[in-house]
Amino acid sequence: HGREKKGIERREAALDMIEARERRSLIRDLVRETRVEDQLRLAHTEQREREVRETTQDITAVRTEGSSRSAPDDRRARMQEKLEQIRQKPSGPQRSGPSWE
Protein backbone atom coordinates (compact mmCIF):
# COMPACT_ATOMS: atom_id res chain seq x y z
CA HIS A 1 0.00 0.00 0.00
CA GLY A 2 2.86 2.41 0.82
CA ARG A 3 4.57 1.83 -2.55
CA GLU A 4 1.39 2.54 -4.46
CA LYS A 5 0.94 5.75 -2.51
CA LYS A 6 4.53 6.88 -3.27
CA GLY A 7 4.08 5.97 -6.95
CA ILE A 8 0.89 7.99 -7.15
CA GLU A 9 2.55 10.94 -5.41
CA ARG A 10 5.50 10.76 -7.81
CA ARG A 11 3.19 10.76 -10.85
CA GLU A 12 1.22 13.62 -9.33
CA ALA A 13 4.41 15.63 -8.80
CA ALA A 14 5.54 14.89 -12.36
CA LEU A 15 2.19 16.08 -13.75
CA ASP A 16 2.40 19.22 -11.61
CA MET A 17 5.87 19.94 -13.02
CA ILE A 18 4.60 19.43 -16.57
CA GLU A 19 1.68 21.78 -15.94
CA ALA A 20 3.99 24.39 -14.45
CA ARG A 21 6.33 24.14 -17.46
CA GLU A 22 3.43 24.49 -19.91
CA ARG A 23 2.05 27.45 -17.94
CA ARG A 24 5.46 29.19 -18.03
CA SER A 25 5.69 28.52 -21.76
CA LEU A 26 2.23 29.99 -22.36
CA ILE A 27 3.07 33.05 -20.27
CA ARG A 28 6.36 33.50 -22.16
CA ASP A 29 4.55 33.24 -25.51
CA LEU A 30 1.91 35.72 -24.39
CA VAL A 31 4.55 38.21 -23.23
CA ARG A 32 6.44 37.84 -26.53
CA GLU A 33 3.26 38.29 -28.58
CA THR A 34 2.29 41.37 -26.57
CA ARG A 35 5.76 42.85 -27.03
CA VAL A 36 5.61 42.30 -30.81
CA GLU A 37 2.14 43.86 -31.02
CA ASP A 38 3.34 46.88 -29.03
CA GLN A 39 6.35 47.30 -31.32
CA LEU A 40 4.17 47.06 -34.44
CA ARG A 41 1.67 49.54 -33.02
CA LEU A 42 4.49 51.96 -32.18
CA ALA A 43 6.02 51.57 -35.66
CA HIS A 44 2.66 52.26 -37.33
CA THR A 45 2.09 55.28 -35.11
CA GLU A 46 5.54 56.67 -35.92
CA GLN A 47 4.93 56.09 -39.64
CA ARG A 48 1.58 57.92 -39.51
CA GLU A 49 3.16 60.79 -37.59
CA ARG A 50 5.97 61.01 -40.17
CA GLU A 51 3.46 61.01 -43.05
CA VAL A 52 1.41 63.74 -41.37
CA ARG A 53 4.56 65.81 -40.79
CA GLU A 54 5.66 65.40 -44.44
CA THR A 55 2.20 66.23 -45.73
CA THR A 56 2.06 69.29 -43.51
CA GLN A 57 5.46 70.39 -44.78
CA ASP A 58 4.34 69.90 -48.39
CA ILE A 59 1.17 71.90 -47.81
CA THR A 60 2.91 74.73 -46.00
CA ALA A 61 6.08 74.69 -48.11
CA VAL A 62 7.74 78.07 -48.31
CA ARG A 63 8.09 79.31 -51.85
CA THR A 64 11.62 79.33 -53.15
CA GLU A 65 13.28 82.67 -53.77
CA GLY A 66 13.63 82.19 -57.53
CA SER A 67 10.05 81.05 -58.00
CA SER A 68 6.82 82.82 -57.27
CA ARG A 69 4.93 79.51 -57.17
CA SER A 70 5.19 76.62 -54.74
CA ALA A 71 6.06 73.07 -55.83
CA PRO A 72 2.40 71.91 -56.03
CA ASP A 73 1.57 74.97 -58.13
CA ASP A 74 4.48 74.18 -60.46
CA ARG A 75 3.29 70.58 -60.82
CA ARG A 76 -0.24 71.75 -61.51
CA ALA A 77 1.00 74.21 -64.16
CA ARG A 78 3.10 71.50 -65.85
CA MET A 79 0.11 69.14 -65.90
CA GLN A 80 -2.09 71.83 -67.42
CA GLU A 81 0.54 72.52 -70.10
CA LYS A 82 0.74 68.83 -70.96
CA LEU A 83 -3.05 68.63 -71.09
CA GLU A 84 -3.19 71.56 -73.51
CA GLN A 85 -0.52 69.95 -75.70
CA ILE A 86 -2.47 66.71 -75.80
CA ARG A 87 -5.69 68.55 -76.65
CA GLN A 88 -4.00 70.38 -79.53
CA LYS A 89 -2.75 67.18 -81.13
CA PRO A 90 -5.21 65.75 -83.63
CA SER A 91 -6.89 62.59 -82.51
CA GLY A 92 -7.53 59.60 -84.69
CA PRO A 93 -5.30 57.78 -87.14
CA GLN A 94 -2.98 59.86 -89.28
CA ARG A 95 -2.58 58.78 -92.89
CA SER A 96 0.62 59.27 -94.73
CA GLY A 97 0.80 59.56 -98.45
CA PRO A 98 -0.80 61.83 -101.03
CA SER A 99 -3.63 63.99 -99.92
CA TRP A 100 -6.76 64.21 -102.11
CA GLU A 101 -7.86 67.51 -100.69
C-alpha atoms as a PDB file:
ATOM      1  CA  HIS A   1       0.000   0.000   0.000  1.00  0.00           C
ATOM      2  CA  GLY A   2       2.863   2.412   0.815  1.00  0.00           C
ATOM      3  CA  ARG A   3       4.571   1.829  -2.545  1.00  0.00           C
ATOM      4  CA  GLU A   4       1.392   2.540  -4.456  1.00  0.00           C
ATOM      5  CA  LYS A   5       0.940   5.751  -2.507  1.00  0.00           C
ATOM      6  CA  LYS A   6       4.527   6.875  -3.271  1.00  0.00           C
ATOM      7  CA  GLY A   7       4.083   5.969  -6.949  1.00  0.00           C
ATOM      8  CA  ILE A   8       0.888   7.987  -7.150  1.00  0.00           C
ATOM      9  CA  GLU A   9       2.549  10.937  -5.406  1.00  0.00           C
ATOM     10  CA  ARG A  10       5.503  10.760  -7.814  1.00  0.00           C
ATOM     11  CA  ARG A  11       3.194  10.757 -10.852  1.00  0.00           C
ATOM     12  CA  GLU A  12       1.217  13.616  -9.332  1.00  0.00           C
ATOM     13  CA  ALA A  13       4.415  15.631  -8.795  1.00  0.00           C
ATOM     14  CA  ALA A  14       5.537  14.887 -12.359  1.00  0.00           C
ATOM     15  CA  LEU A  15       2.190  16.076 -13.749  1.00  0.00           C
ATOM     16  CA  ASP A  16       2.399  19.224 -11.612  1.00  0.00           C
ATOM     17  CA  MET A  17       5.867  19.943 -13.016  1.00  0.00           C
ATOM     18  CA  ILE A  18       4.602  19.429 -16.571  1.00  0.00           C
ATOM     19  CA  GLU A  19       1.676  21.783 -15.942  1.00  0.00           C
ATOM     20  CA  ALA A  20       3.988  24.395 -14.450  1.00  0.00           C
ATOM     21  CA  ARG A  21       6.328  24.142 -17.462  1.00  0.00           C
ATOM     22  CA  GLU A  22       3.427  24.487 -19.908  1.00  0.00           C
ATOM     23  CA  ARG A  23       2.050  27.448 -17.944  1.00  0.00           C
ATOM     24  CA  ARG A  24       5.459  29.194 -18.028  1.00  0.00           C
ATOM     25  CA  SER A  25       5.689  28.522 -21.758  1.00  0.00           C
ATOM     26  CA  LEU A  26       2.234  29.992 -22.361  1.00  0.00           C
ATOM     27  CA  ILE A  27       3.071  33.054 -20.273  1.00  0.00           C
ATOM     28  CA  ARG A  28       6.358  33.503 -22.157  1.00  0.00           C
ATOM     29  CA  ASP A  29       4.552  33.239 -25.512  1.00  0.00           C
ATOM     30  CA  LEU A  30       1.910  35.725 -24.390  1.00  0.00           C
ATOM     31  CA  VAL A  31       4.552  38.209 -23.230  1.00  0.00           C
ATOM     32  CA  ARG A  32       6.442  37.837 -26.527  1.00  0.00           C
ATOM     33  CA  GLU A  33       3.260  38.294 -28.579  1.00  0.00           C
ATOM     34  CA  THR A  34       2.289  41.374 -26.566  1.00  0.00           C
ATOM     35  CA  ARG A  35       5.759  42.852 -27.027  1.00  0.00           C
ATOM     36  CA  VAL A  36       5.612  42.305 -30.806  1.00  0.00           C
ATOM     37  CA  GLU A  37       2.137  43.864 -31.017  1.00  0.00           C
ATOM     38  CA  ASP A  38       3.337  46.878 -29.032  1.00  0.00           C
ATOM     39  CA  GLN A  39       6.348  47.302 -31.319  1.00  0.00           C
ATOM     40  CA  LEU A  40       4.165  47.062 -34.440  1.00  0.00           C
ATOM     41  CA  ARG A  41       1.668  49.542 -33.019  1.00  0.00           C
ATOM     42  CA  LEU A  42       4.493  51.961 -32.184  1.00  0.00           C
ATOM     43  CA  ALA A  43       6.018  51.573 -35.662  1.00  0.00           C
ATOM     44  CA  HIS A  44       2.656  52.263 -37.332  1.00  0.00           C
ATOM     45  CA  THR A  45       2.093  55.284 -35.105  1.00  0.00           C
ATOM     46  CA  GLU A  46       5.535  56.670 -35.925  1.00  0.00           C
ATOM     47  CA  GLN A  47       4.929  56.086 -39.642  1.00  0.00           C
ATOM     48  CA  ARG A  48       1.576  57.919 -39.511  1.00  0.00           C
ATOM     49  CA  GLU A  49       3.161  60.795 -37.592  1.00  0.00           C
ATOM     50  CA  ARG A  50       5.967  61.007 -40.167  1.00  0.00           C
ATOM     51  CA  GLU A  51       3.459  61.011 -43.047  1.00  0.00           C
ATOM     52  CA  VAL A  52       1.410  63.742 -41.370  1.00  0.00           C
ATOM     53  CA  ARG A  53       4.557  65.811 -40.794  1.00  0.00           C
ATOM     54  CA  GLU A  54       5.661  65.399 -44.435  1.00  0.00           C
ATOM     55  CA  THR A  55       2.199  66.228 -45.735  1.00  0.00           C
ATOM     56  CA  THR A  56       2.057  69.294 -43.514  1.00  0.00           C
ATOM     57  CA  GLN A  57       5.457  70.391 -44.782  1.00  0.00           C
ATOM     58  CA  ASP A  58       4.335  69.900 -48.393  1.00  0.00           C
ATOM     59  CA  ILE A  59       1.173  71.902 -47.814  1.00  0.00           C
ATOM     60  CA  THR A  60       2.907  74.727 -45.997  1.00  0.00           C
ATOM     61  CA  ALA A  61       6.079  74.693 -48.115  1.00  0.00           C
ATOM     62  CA  VAL A  62       7.740  78.068 -48.308  1.00  0.00           C
ATOM     63  CA  ARG A  63       8.086  79.312 -51.849  1.00  0.00           C
ATOM     64  CA  THR A  64      11.618  79.325 -53.148  1.00  0.00           C
ATOM     65  CA  GLU A  65      13.284  82.674 -53.772  1.00  0.00           C
ATOM     66  CA  GLY A  66      13.626  82.193 -57.527  1.00  0.00           C
ATOM     67  CA  SER A  67      10.053  81.049 -57.996  1.00  0.00           C
ATOM     68  CA  SER A  68       6.815  82.824 -57.268  1.00  0.00           C
ATOM     69  CA  ARG A  69       4.929  79.513 -57.169  1.00  0.00           C
ATOM     70  CA  SER A  70       5.188  76.617 -54.741  1.00  0.00           C
ATOM     71  CA  ALA A  71       6.057  73.074 -55.834  1.00  0.00           C
ATOM     72  CA  PRO A  72       2.402  71.909 -56.027  1.00  0.00           C
ATOM     73  CA  ASP A  73       1.569  74.975 -58.134  1.00  0.00           C
ATOM     74  CA  ASP A  74       4.479  74.182 -60.455  1.00  0.00           C
ATOM     75  CA  ARG A  75       3.291  70.583 -60.822  1.00  0.00           C
ATOM     76  CA  ARG A  76      -0.245  71.752 -61.512  1.00  0.00           C
ATOM     77  CA  ALA A  77       1.001  74.208 -64.159  1.00  0.00           C
ATOM     78  CA  ARG A  78       3.100  71.497 -65.853  1.00  0.00           C
ATOM     79  CA  MET A  79       0.114  69.136 -65.904  1.00  0.00           C
ATOM     80  CA  GLN A  80      -2.088  71.831 -67.424  1.00  0.00           C
ATOM     81  CA  GLU A  81       0.538  72.525 -70.103  1.00  0.00           C
ATOM     82  CA  LYS A  82       0.741  68.826 -70.962  1.00  0.00           C
ATOM     83  CA  LEU A  83      -3.051  68.626 -71.088  1.00  0.00           C
ATOM     84  CA  GLU A  84      -3.194  71.562 -73.506  1.00  0.00           C
ATOM     85  CA  GLN A  85      -0.521  69.955 -75.695  1.00  0.00           C
ATOM     86  CA  ILE A  86      -2.472  66.713 -75.800  1.00  0.00           C
ATOM     87  CA  ARG A  87      -5.693  68.546 -76.650  1.00  0.00           C
ATOM     88  CA  GLN A  88      -4.000  70.384 -79.526  1.00  0.00           C
ATOM     89  CA  LYS A  89      -2.750  67.180 -81.135  1.00  0.00           C
ATOM     90  CA  PRO A  90      -5.211  65.755 -83.634  1.00  0.00           C
ATOM     91  CA  SER A  91      -6.888  62.588 -82.508  1.00  0.00           C
ATOM     92  CA  GLY A  92      -7.531  59.602 -84.694  1.00  0.00           C
ATOM     93  CA  PRO A  93      -5.302  57.784 -87.143  1.00  0.00           C
ATOM     94  CA  GLN A  94      -2.982  59.858 -89.284  1.00  0.00           C
ATOM     95  CA  ARG A  95      -2.581  58.778 -92.885  1.00  0.00           C
ATOM     96  CA  SER A  96       0.623  59.265 -94.732  1.00  0.00           C
ATOM     97  CA  GLY A  97       0.795  59.561 -98.447  1.00  0.00           C
ATOM     98  CA  PRO A  98      -0.799  61.835-101.034  1.00  0.00           C
ATOM     99  CA  SER A  99      -3.629  63.989 -99.915  1.00  0.00           C
ATOM    100  CA  TRP A 100      -6.755  64.207-102.112  1.00  0.00           C
ATOM    101  CA  GLU A 101      -7.857  67.511-100.687  1.00  0.00           C
END
